[in-house]
Amino acid sequence: MPYAGYSTEEVGKRGQEIYERVLRDQVEAQHRGEFLVIDILSGTYEIDKDDLIACDRLLTRQPNAILYGLRIGYPTAYRLGSKTVTTQ
């Protein structure tokens, strides 16, 4: 489902681009395995071991945020049983 005029693909592309270009070098070593949630409009982000807490904190600061989330240092955010689920 689109987010305020953005397709799911565009949210993923923009979020990943912000992570790679701006944040990866700053956060990967210290926060590996934690969840990072980025507002693709402002670049504001939150990190937490719990993805919902990171989302709630970011939405408190940026109520109209368009969120993109990932697990730092991992190709996927979640693993269910023997199958991997991606969030892109």
N, C-alpha and C. Protein backbone atom coordinates (compact mmCIF):
# COMPACT_ATOMS: atom_id res chain seq x y z
N MET A 1 0.84 -1.18 0.00
CA MET A 1 0.00 0.00 0.00
C MET A 1 0.88 1.24 0.00
N PRO A 2 0.57 2.24 -0.79
CA PRO A 2 1.37 3.47 -0.85
C PRO A 2 1.34 4.24 0.46
N TYR A 3 2.39 4.96 0.73
CA TYR A 3 2.51 5.79 1.91
C TYR A 3 2.54 7.25 1.47
N ALA A 4 1.46 7.98 1.69
CA ALA A 4 1.40 9.41 1.38
C ALA A 4 2.02 9.73 0.02
N GLY A 5 1.63 8.98 -0.99
CA GLY A 5 2.12 9.26 -2.33
C GLY A 5 3.39 8.53 -2.72
N TYR A 6 3.92 7.70 -1.84
CA TYR A 6 5.13 6.93 -2.13
C TYR A 6 4.76 5.45 -2.24
N SER A 7 5.27 4.78 -3.24
CA SER A 7 5.07 3.34 -3.35
C SER A 7 5.96 2.63 -2.35
N THR A 8 5.63 1.38 -2.07
CA THR A 8 6.46 0.58 -1.18
C THR A 8 7.89 0.50 -1.70
N GLU A 9 8.02 0.35 -3.01
CA GLU A 9 9.35 0.27 -3.62
C GLU A 9 10.14 1.56 -3.43
N GLU A 10 9.46 2.70 -3.58
CA GLU A 10 10.15 3.98 -3.42
C GLU A 10 10.58 4.21 -1.97
N VAL A 11 9.73 3.83 -1.03
CA VAL A 11 10.10 3.94 0.39
C VAL A 11 11.34 3.10 0.65
N GLY A 12 11.35 1.87 0.15
CA GLY A 12 12.51 0.99 0.33
C GLY A 12 13.76 1.54 -0.31
N LYS A 13 13.63 2.04 -1.52
CA LYS A 13 14.79 2.59 -2.23
C LYS A 13 15.36 3.80 -1.50
N ARG A 14 14.49 4.72 -1.11
CA ARG A 14 14.95 5.94 -0.42
C ARG A 14 15.56 5.60 0.95
N GLY A 15 14.89 4.71 1.68
CA GLY A 15 15.40 4.33 2.99
C GLY A 15 16.76 3.67 2.90
N GLN A 16 16.92 2.75 1.98
CA GLN A 16 18.20 2.06 1.82
C GLN A 16 19.29 3.03 1.37
N GLU A 17 18.94 3.97 0.51
CA GLU A 17 19.90 4.96 0.06
C GLU A 17 20.39 5.83 1.21
N ILE A 18 19.48 6.29 2.07
CA ILE A 18 19.88 7.09 3.24
C ILE A 18 20.79 6.27 4.14
N TYR A 19 20.42 5.01 4.37
CA TYR A 19 21.24 4.16 5.22
C TYR A 19 22.64 4.00 4.65
N GLU A 20 22.75 3.65 3.38
CA GLU A 20 24.05 3.41 2.77
C GLU A 20 24.90 4.69 2.69
N ARG A 21 24.28 5.78 2.30
CA ARG A 21 25.01 7.03 2.05
C ARG A 21 25.38 7.77 3.33
N VAL A 22 24.48 7.74 4.33
CA VAL A 22 24.66 8.61 5.50
C VAL A 22 24.92 7.85 6.79
N LEU A 23 24.22 6.76 7.03
CA LEU A 23 24.19 6.17 8.36
C LEU A 23 25.04 4.93 8.59
N ARG A 24 25.23 4.11 7.58
CA ARG A 24 25.89 2.82 7.79
C ARG A 24 27.21 2.94 8.55
N ASP A 25 28.10 3.79 8.10
CA ASP A 25 29.40 3.92 8.75
C ASP A 25 29.29 4.41 10.19
N GLN A 26 28.26 5.16 10.49
CA GLN A 26 28.07 5.70 11.84
C GLN A 26 27.53 4.68 12.82
N VAL A 27 26.71 3.73 12.35
CA VAL A 27 25.97 2.88 13.28
C VAL A 27 26.32 1.40 13.25
N GLU A 28 26.88 0.90 12.17
CA GLU A 28 26.99 -0.55 12.01
C GLU A 28 27.86 -1.23 13.07
N ALA A 29 29.00 -0.69 13.39
CA ALA A 29 29.89 -1.35 14.34
C ALA A 29 29.30 -1.42 15.75
N GLN A 30 28.69 -0.35 16.18
CA GLN A 30 28.18 -0.27 17.55
C GLN A 30 26.80 -0.87 17.73
N HIS A 31 25.97 -0.92 16.68
CA HIS A 31 24.57 -1.32 16.83
C HIS A 31 24.19 -2.55 16.02
N ARG A 32 25.14 -3.36 15.62
CA ARG A 32 24.85 -4.55 14.81
C ARG A 32 23.78 -5.40 15.48
N GLY A 33 22.76 -5.78 14.71
CA GLY A 33 21.67 -6.60 15.21
C GLY A 33 20.49 -5.82 15.74
N GLU A 34 20.66 -4.53 15.96
CA GLU A 34 19.55 -3.70 16.44
C GLU A 34 18.75 -3.20 15.24
N PHE A 35 17.57 -2.68 15.53
CA PHE A 35 16.70 -2.15 14.48
C PHE A 35 16.90 -0.66 14.31
N LEU A 36 16.95 -0.24 13.05
CA LEU A 36 17.07 1.16 12.68
C LEU A 36 15.81 1.52 11.91
N VAL A 37 15.16 2.61 12.30
CA VAL A 37 13.98 3.10 11.61
C VAL A 37 14.28 4.52 11.16
N ILE A 38 14.10 4.78 9.86
CA ILE A 38 14.43 6.06 9.26
C ILE A 38 13.16 6.71 8.71
N ASP A 39 13.02 8.02 8.93
CA ASP A 39 11.99 8.80 8.23
C ASP A 39 12.61 9.20 6.90
N ILE A 40 12.08 8.69 5.80
CA ILE A 40 12.70 8.94 4.49
C ILE A 40 12.56 10.40 4.05
N LEU A 41 11.70 11.16 4.69
CA LEU A 41 11.53 12.57 4.33
C LEU A 41 12.59 13.45 4.98
N SER A 42 12.87 13.22 6.25
CA SER A 42 13.79 14.09 7.00
C SER A 42 15.16 13.47 7.24
N GLY A 43 15.26 12.14 7.14
CA GLY A 43 16.51 11.47 7.48
C GLY A 43 16.66 11.21 8.97
N THR A 44 15.69 11.65 9.76
CA THR A 44 15.69 11.40 11.20
C THR A 44 15.58 9.90 11.42
N TYR A 45 16.23 9.40 12.46
CA TYR A 45 16.18 7.95 12.71
C TYR A 45 16.21 7.64 14.18
N GLU A 46 15.85 6.42 14.50
CA GLU A 46 15.91 5.86 15.85
C GLU A 46 16.47 4.45 15.76
N ILE A 47 17.16 4.04 16.81
CA ILE A 47 17.73 2.70 16.91
C ILE A 47 17.29 2.10 18.23
N ASP A 48 16.89 0.83 18.19
CA ASP A 48 16.53 0.13 19.42
C ASP A 48 16.60 -1.37 19.16
N LYS A 49 16.71 -2.15 20.23
CA LYS A 49 16.66 -3.61 20.09
C LYS A 49 15.25 -4.07 19.75
N ASP A 50 14.25 -3.24 20.02
CA ASP A 50 12.85 -3.53 19.71
C ASP A 50 12.40 -2.59 18.60
N ASP A 51 12.00 -3.16 17.46
CA ASP A 51 11.64 -2.33 16.32
C ASP A 51 10.43 -1.44 16.58
N LEU A 52 9.47 -1.93 17.36
CA LEU A 52 8.28 -1.12 17.65
C LEU A 52 8.61 0.08 18.54
N ILE A 53 9.52 -0.09 19.46
CA ILE A 53 9.94 1.03 20.30
C ILE A 53 10.63 2.09 19.45
N ALA A 54 11.50 1.65 18.54
CA ALA A 54 12.16 2.61 17.64
C ALA A 54 11.13 3.35 16.79
N CYS A 55 10.13 2.65 16.27
CA CYS A 55 9.07 3.29 15.47
C CYS A 55 8.30 4.30 16.30
N ASP A 56 7.89 3.90 17.50
CA ASP A 56 7.13 4.81 18.36
C ASP A 56 7.91 6.07 18.71
N ARG A 57 9.19 5.92 19.03
CA ARG A 57 10.00 7.09 19.36
C ARG A 57 10.12 8.03 18.17
N LEU A 58 10.33 7.45 16.99
CA LEU A 58 10.47 8.29 15.80
C LEU A 58 9.15 8.98 15.46
N LEU A 59 8.05 8.28 15.58
CA LEU A 59 6.75 8.88 15.29
C LEU A 59 6.37 9.95 16.32
N THR A 60 6.87 9.85 17.53
CA THR A 60 6.67 10.90 18.52
C THR A 60 7.38 12.18 18.09
N ARG A 61 8.58 12.02 17.56
CA ARG A 61 9.36 13.17 17.09
C ARG A 61 8.89 13.69 15.74
N GLN A 62 8.48 12.79 14.85
CA GLN A 62 8.09 13.13 13.48
C GLN A 62 6.73 12.45 13.19
N PRO A 63 5.62 13.03 13.63
CA PRO A 63 4.32 12.36 13.50
C PRO A 63 3.91 12.02 12.06
N ASN A 64 4.41 12.75 11.09
CA ASN A 64 4.05 12.49 9.69
C ASN A 64 5.13 11.72 8.94
N ALA A 65 5.99 11.06 9.68
CA ALA A 65 7.11 10.35 9.08
C ALA A 65 6.64 9.22 8.16
N ILE A 66 7.44 8.98 7.15
CA ILE A 66 7.27 7.80 6.30
C ILE A 66 8.44 6.89 6.64
N LEU A 67 8.15 5.76 7.26
CA LEU A 67 9.16 4.94 7.89
C LEU A 67 9.70 3.83 6.99
N TYR A 68 11.01 3.65 7.12
CA TYR A 68 11.71 2.52 6.51
C TYR A 68 12.52 1.89 7.63
N GLY A 69 12.45 0.58 7.78
CA GLY A 69 13.18 -0.08 8.85
C GLY A 69 14.07 -1.19 8.34
N LEU A 70 15.13 -1.44 9.09
CA LEU A 70 16.05 -2.53 8.77
C LEU A 70 16.74 -2.99 10.04
N ARG A 71 17.35 -4.16 9.96
CA ARG A 71 18.16 -4.67 11.06
C ARG A 71 19.61 -4.43 10.68
N ILE A 72 20.29 -3.68 11.50
CA ILE A 72 21.65 -3.24 11.19
C ILE A 72 22.59 -4.44 11.06
N GLY A 73 23.27 -4.50 9.91
CA GLY A 73 24.25 -5.53 9.66
C GLY A 73 23.71 -6.85 9.16
N TYR A 74 22.41 -6.92 8.88
CA TYR A 74 21.78 -8.15 8.42
C TYR A 74 21.05 -7.90 7.11
N PRO A 75 20.98 -8.91 6.24
CA PRO A 75 20.28 -8.73 4.96
C PRO A 75 18.76 -8.72 5.11
N THR A 76 18.24 -9.26 6.21
CA THR A 76 16.80 -9.27 6.47
C THR A 76 16.55 -8.83 7.91
N ALA A 77 15.35 -8.34 8.16
CA ALA A 77 15.04 -7.87 9.50
C ALA A 77 14.54 -8.98 10.42
N TYR A 78 13.82 -9.96 9.86
CA TYR A 78 13.17 -10.97 10.68
C TYR A 78 13.42 -12.36 10.14
N ARG A 79 13.38 -13.33 11.04
CA ARG A 79 13.47 -14.73 10.65
C ARG A 79 12.35 -15.46 11.36
N LEU A 80 11.52 -16.15 10.59
CA LEU A 80 10.40 -16.92 11.12
C LEU A 80 10.63 -18.38 10.81
N GLY A 81 10.82 -19.18 11.84
CA GLY A 81 11.08 -20.60 11.60
C GLY A 81 12.30 -20.79 10.75
N SER A 82 12.17 -21.57 9.69
CA SER A 82 13.32 -21.80 8.82
C SER A 82 13.32 -20.90 7.60
N LYS A 83 12.35 -19.99 7.52
CA LYS A 83 12.26 -19.08 6.39
C LYS A 83 12.59 -17.67 6.83
N THR A 84 13.16 -16.90 5.92
CA THR A 84 13.53 -15.53 6.20
C THR A 84 12.51 -14.59 5.58
N VAL A 85 12.12 -13.55 6.32
CA VAL A 85 11.17 -12.55 5.83
C VAL A 85 11.90 -11.23 5.71
N THR A 86 11.83 -10.60 4.54
CA THR A 86 12.45 -9.29 4.36
C THR A 86 11.41 -8.20 4.52
N THR A 87 11.87 -6.98 4.84
CA THR A 87 10.94 -5.87 5.07
C THR A 87 10.99 -4.85 3.97
N GLN A 88 11.54 -5.18 2.84
CA GLN A 88 11.64 -4.20 1.76
C GLN A 88 10.51 -4.32 0.81
